[in-house]
């Protein structure tokens, strides 16, 4: 894993509707009960956009 400079902390509550891996939006914390989880590319892009302002491409 590589650290990306410029990443900022974001409040997840306003992007929950955009995150496909969270099926029950009202109980969104449930999916984070384990240390690791797999997320889809679209959700990753939404999180990256919020934290970085762009989608990192490698």
PDB file of N, CA and C in Angstrom:
ATOM      1  N   UNK A   1       0.841  -1.166   0.000  1.00  0.00           N
ATOM      2  CA  UNK A   1       0.000   0.000   0.000  1.00  0.00           C
ATOM      3  C   UNK A   1       0.887   1.230   0.000  1.00  0.00           C
ATOM      4  N   UNK A   2       0.513   2.194  -0.755  1.00  0.00           N
ATOM      5  CA  UNK A   2       1.281   3.418  -0.885  1.00  0.00           C
ATOM      6  C   UNK A   2       0.490   4.579  -0.296  1.00  0.00           C
ATOM      7  N   UNK A   3       1.167   5.415   0.467  1.00  0.00           N
ATOM      8  CA  UNK A   3       0.526   6.596   1.042  1.00  0.00           C
ATOM      9  C   UNK A   3       0.453   7.685  -0.010  1.00  0.00           C
ATOM     10  N   UNK A   4      -0.692   8.289  -0.156  1.00  0.00           N
ATOM     11  CA  UNK A   4      -0.856   9.371  -1.123  1.00  0.00           C
ATOM     12  C   UNK A   4      -0.872  10.705  -0.386  1.00  0.00           C
ATOM     13  N   UNK A   5       0.077  11.547  -0.704  1.00  0.00           N
ATOM     14  CA  UNK A   5       0.137  12.867  -0.067  1.00  0.00           C
ATOM     15  C   UNK A   5      -1.080  13.688  -0.467  1.00  0.00           C
ATOM     16  N   UNK A   6      -1.540  14.480   0.462  1.00  0.00           N
ATOM     17  CA  UNK A   6      -2.682  15.336   0.181  1.00  0.00           C
ATOM     18  C   UNK A   6      -4.016  14.718   0.553  1.00  0.00           C
ATOM     19  N   UNK A   7      -4.010  13.446   0.946  1.00  0.00           N
ATOM     20  CA  UNK A   7      -5.267  12.811   1.365  1.00  0.00           C
ATOM     21  C   UNK A   7      -5.728  13.452   2.661  1.00  0.00           C
ATOM     22  N   UNK A   8      -7.018  13.684   2.771  1.00  0.00           N
ATOM     23  CA  UNK A   8      -7.563  14.305   3.972  1.00  0.00           C
ATOM     24  C   UNK A   8      -8.637  13.420   4.579  1.00  0.00           C
ATOM     25  N   UNK A   9      -8.844  13.592   5.861  1.00  0.00           N
ATOM     26  CA  UNK A   9      -9.926  12.883   6.534  1.00  0.00           C
ATOM     27  C   UNK A   9     -11.250  13.451   6.039  1.00  0.00           C
ATOM     28  N   UNK A  10     -12.220  12.575   5.840  1.00  0.00           N
ATOM     29  CA  UNK A  10     -13.545  13.029   5.411  1.00  0.00           C
ATOM     30  C   UNK A  10     -14.610  12.391   6.289  1.00  0.00           C
ATOM     31  N   UNK A  11     -15.730  13.065   6.398  1.00  0.00           N
ATOM     32  CA  UNK A  11     -16.881  12.540   7.123  1.00  0.00           C
ATOM     33  C   UNK A  11     -17.608  11.572   6.193  1.00  0.00           C
ATOM     34  N   UNK A  12     -17.640  10.315   6.569  1.00  0.00           N
ATOM     35  CA  UNK A  12     -18.217   9.289   5.695  1.00  0.00           C
ATOM     36  C   UNK A  12     -19.734   9.422   5.545  1.00  0.00           C
ATOM     37  N   UNK A  13     -20.384  10.044   6.508  1.00  0.00           N
ATOM     38  CA  UNK A  13     -21.852  10.048   6.501  1.00  0.00           C
ATOM     39  C   UNK A  13     -22.454  10.693   5.254  1.00  0.00           C
ATOM     40  N   UNK A  14     -21.784  11.683   4.671  1.00  0.00           N
ATOM     41  CA  UNK A  14     -22.372  12.311   3.483  1.00  0.00           C
ATOM     42  C   UNK A  14     -22.086  11.558   2.185  1.00  0.00           C
ATOM     43  N   UNK A  15     -21.163  10.587   2.195  1.00  0.00           N
ATOM     44  CA  UNK A  15     -20.922   9.809   0.968  1.00  0.00           C
ATOM     45  C   UNK A  15     -21.501   8.396   1.031  1.00  0.00           C
ATOM     46  N   UNK A  16     -22.109   8.039   2.151  1.00  0.00           N
ATOM     47  CA  UNK A  16     -22.706   6.702   2.287  1.00  0.00           C
ATOM     48  C   UNK A  16     -23.651   6.357   1.133  1.00  0.00           C
ATOM     49  N   UNK A  17     -24.508   7.280   0.686  1.00  0.00           N
ATOM     50  CA  UNK A  17     -25.397   6.926  -0.434  1.00  0.00           C
ATOM     51  C   UNK A  17     -24.655   6.509  -1.706  1.00  0.00           C
ATOM     52  N   UNK A  18     -23.401   6.943  -1.875  1.00  0.00           N
ATOM     53  CA  UNK A  18     -22.618   6.615  -3.071  1.00  0.00           C
ATOM     54  C   UNK A  18     -21.832   5.314  -2.941  1.00  0.00           C
ATOM     55  N   UNK A  19     -21.806   4.713  -1.755  1.00  0.00           N
ATOM     56  CA  UNK A  19     -20.970   3.535  -1.520  1.00  0.00           C
ATOM     57  C   UNK A  19     -21.775   2.254  -1.702  1.00  0.00           C
ATOM     58  N   UNK A  20     -21.517   1.546  -2.796  1.00  0.00           N
ATOM     59  CA  UNK A  20     -22.269   0.337  -3.154  1.00  0.00           C
ATOM     60  C   UNK A  20     -22.066  -0.817  -2.188  1.00  0.00           C
ATOM     61  N   UNK A  21     -20.909  -0.880  -1.520  1.00  0.00           N
ATOM     62  CA  UNK A  21     -20.646  -2.007  -0.624  1.00  0.00           C
ATOM     63  C   UNK A  21     -21.411  -1.901   0.692  1.00  0.00           C
ATOM     64  N   UNK A  22     -22.048  -0.769   0.942  1.00  0.00           N
ATOM     65  CA  UNK A  22     -22.896  -0.610   2.127  1.00  0.00           C
ATOM     66  C   UNK A  22     -24.334  -0.849   1.682  1.00  0.00           C
ATOM     67  N   UNK A  23     -24.841  -2.027   1.982  1.00  0.00           N
ATOM     68  CA  UNK A  23     -26.190  -2.398   1.533  1.00  0.00           C
ATOM     69  C   UNK A  23     -27.276  -1.716   2.361  1.00  0.00           C
ATOM     70  N   UNK A  24     -27.115  -1.714   3.690  1.00  0.00           N
ATOM     71  CA  UNK A  24     -28.093  -1.090   4.579  1.00  0.00           C
ATOM     72  C   UNK A  24     -27.547   0.273   4.990  1.00  0.00           C
ATOM     73  N   UNK A  25     -28.003   1.310   4.326  1.00  0.00           N
ATOM     74  CA  UNK A  25     -27.470   2.653   4.543  1.00  0.00           C
ATOM     75  C   UNK A  25     -27.760   3.181   5.950  1.00  0.00           C
ATOM     76  N   UNK A  26     -28.814   2.708   6.586  1.00  0.00           N
ATOM     77  CA  UNK A  26     -29.142   3.162   7.942  1.00  0.00           C
ATOM     78  C   UNK A  26     -28.222   2.538   8.985  1.00  0.00           C
ATOM     79  N   UNK A  27     -27.728   1.333   8.730  1.00  0.00           N
ATOM     80  CA  UNK A  27     -26.810   0.650   9.654  1.00  0.00           C
ATOM     81  C   UNK A  27     -25.429   0.545   9.015  1.00  0.00           C
ATOM     82  N   UNK A  28     -24.950   1.652   8.478  1.00  0.00           N
ATOM     83  CA  UNK A  28     -23.717   1.659   7.698  1.00  0.00           C
ATOM     84  C   UNK A  28     -22.493   1.209   8.492  1.00  0.00           C
ATOM     85  N   UNK A  29     -22.453   1.415   9.783  1.00  0.00           N
ATOM     86  CA  UNK A  29     -21.296   1.035  10.585  1.00  0.00           C
ATOM     87  C   UNK A  29     -21.077  -0.463  10.665  1.00  0.00           C
ATOM     88  N   UNK A  30     -22.116  -1.233  10.399  1.00  0.00           N
ATOM     89  CA  UNK A  30     -22.045  -2.688  10.493  1.00  0.00           C
ATOM     90  C   UNK A  30     -20.976  -3.277   9.578  1.00  0.00           C
ATOM     91  N   UNK A  31     -20.819  -2.735   8.378  1.00  0.00           N
ATOM     92  CA  UNK A  31     -19.845  -3.296   7.432  1.00  0.00           C
ATOM     93  C   UNK A  31     -18.402  -3.070   7.871  1.00  0.00           C
ATOM     94  N   UNK A  32     -18.181  -2.111   8.758  1.00  0.00           N
ATOM     95  CA  UNK A  32     -16.826  -1.780   9.199  1.00  0.00           C
ATOM     96  C   UNK A  32     -16.405  -2.521  10.464  1.00  0.00           C
ATOM     97  N   UNK A  33     -17.175  -3.504  10.889  1.00  0.00           N
ATOM     98  CA  UNK A  33     -16.872  -4.209  12.136  1.00  0.00           C
ATOM     99  C   UNK A  33     -15.635  -5.093  12.031  1.00  0.00           C
ATOM    100  N   UNK A  34     -15.215  -5.424  10.825  1.00  0.00           N
ATOM    101  CA  UNK A  34     -13.991  -6.195  10.618  1.00  0.00           C
ATOM    102  C   UNK A  34     -12.899  -5.252  10.118  1.00  0.00           C
ATOM    103  N   UNK A  35     -11.661  -5.645  10.318  1.00  0.00           N
ATOM    104  CA  UNK A  35     -10.543  -4.776   9.950  1.00  0.00           C
ATOM    105  C   UNK A  35     -10.401  -4.604   8.437  1.00  0.00           C
ATOM    106  N   UNK A  36     -10.736  -5.631   7.665  1.00  0.00           N
ATOM    107  CA  UNK A  36     -10.561  -5.581   6.219  1.00  0.00           C
ATOM    108  C   UNK A  36     -11.877  -5.903   5.530  1.00  0.00           C
ATOM    109  N   UNK A  37     -12.136  -5.213   4.434  1.00  0.00           N
ATOM    110  CA  UNK A  37     -13.302  -5.539   3.628  1.00  0.00           C
ATOM    111  C   UNK A  37     -12.994  -5.208   2.172  1.00  0.00           C
ATOM    112  N   UNK A  38     -13.661  -5.910   1.294  1.00  0.00           N
ATOM    113  CA  UNK A  38     -13.478  -5.689  -0.134  1.00  0.00           C
ATOM    114  C   UNK A  38     -14.529  -4.705  -0.608  1.00  0.00           C
ATOM    115  N   UNK A  39     -14.091  -3.717  -1.380  1.00  0.00           N
ATOM    116  CA  UNK A  39     -15.039  -2.748  -1.918  1.00  0.00           C
ATOM    117  C   UNK A  39     -14.932  -2.734  -3.438  1.00  0.00           C
ATOM    118  N   UNK A  40     -15.989  -2.282  -4.079  1.00  0.00           N
ATOM    119  CA  UNK A  40     -16.022  -2.229  -5.537  1.00  0.00           C
ATOM    120  C   UNK A  40     -15.270  -0.989  -6.041  1.00  0.00           C
ATOM    121  N   UNK A  41     -14.926  -0.997  -7.316  1.00  0.00           N
ATOM    122  CA  UNK A  41     -14.142   0.080  -7.928  1.00  0.00           C
ATOM    123  C   UNK A  41     -14.862   1.427  -7.853  1.00  0.00           C
ATOM    124  N   UNK A  42     -16.169   1.435  -8.063  1.00  0.00           N
ATOM    125  CA  UNK A  42     -16.924   2.688  -8.034  1.00  0.00           C
ATOM    126  C   UNK A  42     -16.897   3.309  -6.638  1.00  0.00           C
ATOM    127  N   UNK A  43     -17.067   2.486  -5.604  1.00  0.00           N
ATOM    128  CA  UNK A  43     -17.002   2.992  -4.230  1.00  0.00           C
ATOM    129  C   UNK A  43     -15.603   3.524  -3.927  1.00  0.00           C
ATOM    130  N   UNK A  44     -14.578   2.799  -4.375  1.00  0.00           N
ATOM    131  CA  UNK A  44     -13.200   3.260  -4.195  1.00  0.00           C
ATOM    132  C   UNK A  44     -13.007   4.628  -4.837  1.00  0.00           C
ATOM    133  N   UNK A  45     -13.517   4.784  -6.050  1.00  0.00           N
ATOM    134  CA  UNK A  45     -13.387   6.058  -6.760  1.00  0.00           C
ATOM    135  C   UNK A  45     -14.086   7.183  -6.003  1.00  0.00           C
ATOM    136  N   UNK A  46     -15.252   6.905  -5.450  1.00  0.00           N
ATOM    137  CA  UNK A  46     -15.977   7.921  -4.687  1.00  0.00           C
ATOM    138  C   UNK A  46     -15.206   8.332  -3.436  1.00  0.00           C
ATOM    139  N   UNK A  47     -14.631   7.366  -2.742  1.00  0.00           N
ATOM    140  CA  UNK A  47     -13.843   7.663  -1.540  1.00  0.00           C
ATOM    141  C   UNK A  47     -12.586   8.447  -1.922  1.00  0.00           C
ATOM    142  N   UNK A  48     -11.893   8.007  -2.968  1.00  0.00           N
ATOM    143  CA  UNK A  48     -10.682   8.696  -3.419  1.00  0.00           C
ATOM    144  C   UNK A  48     -10.985  10.134  -3.814  1.00  0.00           C
ATOM    145  N   UNK A  49     -12.068  10.330  -4.519  1.00  0.00           N
ATOM    146  CA  UNK A  49     -12.456  11.684  -4.941  1.00  0.00           C
ATOM    147  C   UNK A  49     -12.675  12.588  -3.733  1.00  0.00           C
ATOM    148  N   UNK A  50     -13.318  12.063  -2.704  1.00  0.00           N
ATOM    149  CA  UNK A  50     -13.553  12.851  -1.489  1.00  0.00           C
ATOM    150  C   UNK A  50     -12.253  13.136  -0.738  1.00  0.00           C
ATOM    151  N   UNK A  51     -11.382  12.139  -0.647  1.00  0.00           N
ATOM    152  CA  UNK A  51     -10.162  12.290   0.149  1.00  0.00           C
ATOM    153  C   UNK A  51      -9.040  13.024  -0.591  1.00  0.00           C
ATOM    154  N   UNK A  52      -8.989  12.875  -1.910  1.00  0.00           N
ATOM    155  CA  UNK A  52      -7.883  13.432  -2.685  1.00  0.00           C
ATOM    156  C   UNK A  52      -8.290  14.563  -3.623  1.00  0.00           C
ATOM    157  N   UNK A  53      -9.556  14.558  -4.031  1.00  0.00           N
ATOM    158  CA  UNK A  53      -9.996  15.521  -5.023  1.00  0.00           C
ATOM    159  C   UNK A  53      -9.822  15.002  -6.444  1.00  0.00           C
ATOM    160  N   UNK A  54      -9.305  13.768  -6.565  1.00  0.00           N
ATOM    161  CA  UNK A  54      -9.125  13.137  -7.877  1.00  0.00           C
ATOM    162  C   UNK A  54      -9.047  11.626  -7.684  1.00  0.00           C
ATOM    163  N   UNK A  55      -9.122  10.880  -8.782  1.00  0.00           N
ATOM    164  CA  UNK A  55      -9.019   9.428  -8.746  1.00  0.00           C
ATOM    165  C   UNK A  55      -7.605   9.030  -9.138  1.00  0.00           C
ATOM    166  N   UNK A  56      -6.832   8.454  -8.205  1.00  0.00           N
ATOM    167  CA  UNK A  56      -5.467   8.045  -8.551  1.00  0.00           C
ATOM    168  C   UNK A  56      -5.491   6.865  -9.527  1.00  0.00           C
ATOM    169  N   UNK A  57      -4.735   6.977 -10.594  1.00  0.00           N
ATOM    170  CA  UNK A  57      -4.677   5.913 -11.605  1.00  0.00           C
ATOM    171  C   UNK A  57      -3.247   5.397 -11.664  1.00  0.00           C
ATOM    172  N   UNK A  58      -3.116   4.074 -11.619  1.00  0.00           N
ATOM    173  CA  UNK A  58      -1.784   3.459 -11.695  1.00  0.00           C
ATOM    174  C   UNK A  58      -1.755   2.513 -12.861  1.00  0.00           C
TER     175      UNK A  58
END
